[in-house]
Amino acid sequence: MSRKNEAIPGVDWVAGAGRFVSVKKSLCTGCGDCVKVCLGGCFEIRDGKARVKTLSTCMECASCWYACSQDAVSFRWPKGGCGFRTNWG
């Protein structure tokens, strides 16, 4: 079963990917780098710390993890390989 998002054409999200991104509040400085690099708009800054707002539009690119200089973002690829399919490779 998959679903589409009109804001991101050409991508289908596959159900059952689970929670594969999180933020360790104790390490987060609130710099917002994860917010800036996230293609899916999955992060927000609240009370001076980053938090995952939604994973329903996550592109599984791991940019959030790479951009976090404090190692506050924990990322692993979803079980089964991926939670989304794209029409463009």
Protein backbone atom coordinates (compact mmCIF):
# COMPACT_ATOMS: atom_id res chain seq x y z
CA MET A 1 0.00 0.00 0.00
CA SER A 2 1.36 3.43 -0.89
CA ARG A 3 0.18 7.02 -0.78
CA LYS A 4 0.97 10.19 -2.69
CA ASN A 5 1.53 13.80 -1.64
CA GLU A 6 0.48 16.50 -4.10
CA ALA A 7 3.24 18.82 -2.87
CA ILE A 8 5.90 16.30 -3.94
CA PRO A 9 4.90 14.81 -7.32
CA GLY A 10 6.39 11.58 -8.58
CA VAL A 11 6.86 10.02 -5.15
CA ASP A 12 4.85 7.25 -3.47
CA TRP A 13 5.34 6.57 0.24
CA VAL A 14 5.19 2.94 1.32
CA ALA A 15 3.43 2.14 4.59
CA GLY A 16 5.26 0.48 7.44
CA ALA A 17 8.62 2.28 7.32
CA GLY A 18 8.45 2.96 11.06
CA ARG A 19 10.20 5.69 13.03
CA PHE A 20 13.70 5.89 11.58
CA VAL A 21 14.68 9.51 12.38
CA SER A 22 14.83 11.12 15.81
CA VAL A 23 16.51 14.03 17.58
CA LYS A 24 18.48 13.64 20.81
CA LYS A 25 17.39 16.76 22.69
CA SER A 26 20.37 16.62 25.03
CA LEU A 27 22.73 17.10 22.07
CA CYS A 28 20.66 19.52 19.98
CA THR A 29 21.77 23.17 20.01
CA GLY A 30 18.78 24.39 17.99
CA CYS A 31 20.96 25.59 15.11
CA GLY A 32 18.28 24.58 12.60
CA ASP A 33 20.61 22.95 10.06
CA CYS A 34 18.33 19.90 9.87
CA VAL A 35 15.37 22.18 9.13
CA LYS A 36 17.31 23.97 6.37
CA VAL A 37 18.42 20.83 4.51
CA CYS A 38 15.29 18.69 4.81
CA LEU A 39 13.59 18.34 1.42
CA GLY A 40 10.40 17.01 2.99
CA GLY A 41 9.97 19.67 5.67
CA CYS A 42 10.11 17.03 8.39
CA PHE A 43 11.75 19.14 11.12
CA GLU A 44 10.86 22.19 13.16
CA ILE A 45 12.46 24.14 15.97
CA ARG A 46 10.34 24.21 19.11
CA ASP A 47 11.47 25.53 22.49
CA GLY A 48 14.97 26.06 21.12
CA LYS A 49 15.45 22.45 19.98
CA ALA A 50 14.88 20.61 16.72
CA ARG A 51 12.20 17.98 16.62
CA VAL A 52 10.71 15.69 14.01
CA LYS A 53 7.43 17.27 12.90
CA THR A 54 6.49 14.48 10.49
CA LEU A 55 8.08 11.58 8.65
CA SER A 56 5.19 11.33 6.21
CA THR A 57 7.15 13.35 3.62
CA CYS A 58 10.68 12.13 4.44
CA MET A 59 12.77 11.51 1.31
CA GLU A 60 15.20 9.27 3.24
CA CYS A 61 18.16 11.24 1.95
CA ALA A 62 19.85 11.43 5.39
CA SER A 63 20.72 15.10 4.81
CA CYS A 64 19.51 15.89 8.33
CA TRP A 65 21.95 13.39 9.77
CA TYR A 66 24.86 14.64 7.63
CA ALA A 67 24.11 18.31 8.38
CA CYS A 68 23.95 17.92 12.16
CA SER A 69 27.38 18.83 13.52
CA GLN A 70 26.30 17.91 17.06
CA ASP A 71 25.31 14.28 16.24
CA ALA A 72 21.86 15.07 17.62
CA VAL A 73 20.01 13.56 14.65
CA SER A 74 19.71 9.80 14.70
CA PHE A 75 18.97 8.31 11.27
CA ARG A 76 18.73 4.77 9.93
CA TRP A 77 17.30 3.63 6.65
CA PRO A 78 13.85 2.10 7.12
CA LYS A 79 13.43 -1.63 7.46
CA GLY A 80 12.97 -3.22 4.07
CA GLY A 81 15.21 -0.72 2.26
CA CYS A 82 13.00 2.30 1.84
CA GLY A 83 9.67 3.86 2.70
CA PHE A 84 9.24 5.69 -0.58
CA ARG A 85 9.46 5.08 -4.30
CA THR A 86 10.25 7.73 -6.87
CA ASN A 87 9.46 7.90 -10.56
CA TRP A 88 12.84 9.49 -11.27
CA GLY A 89 15.40 6.95 -10.17
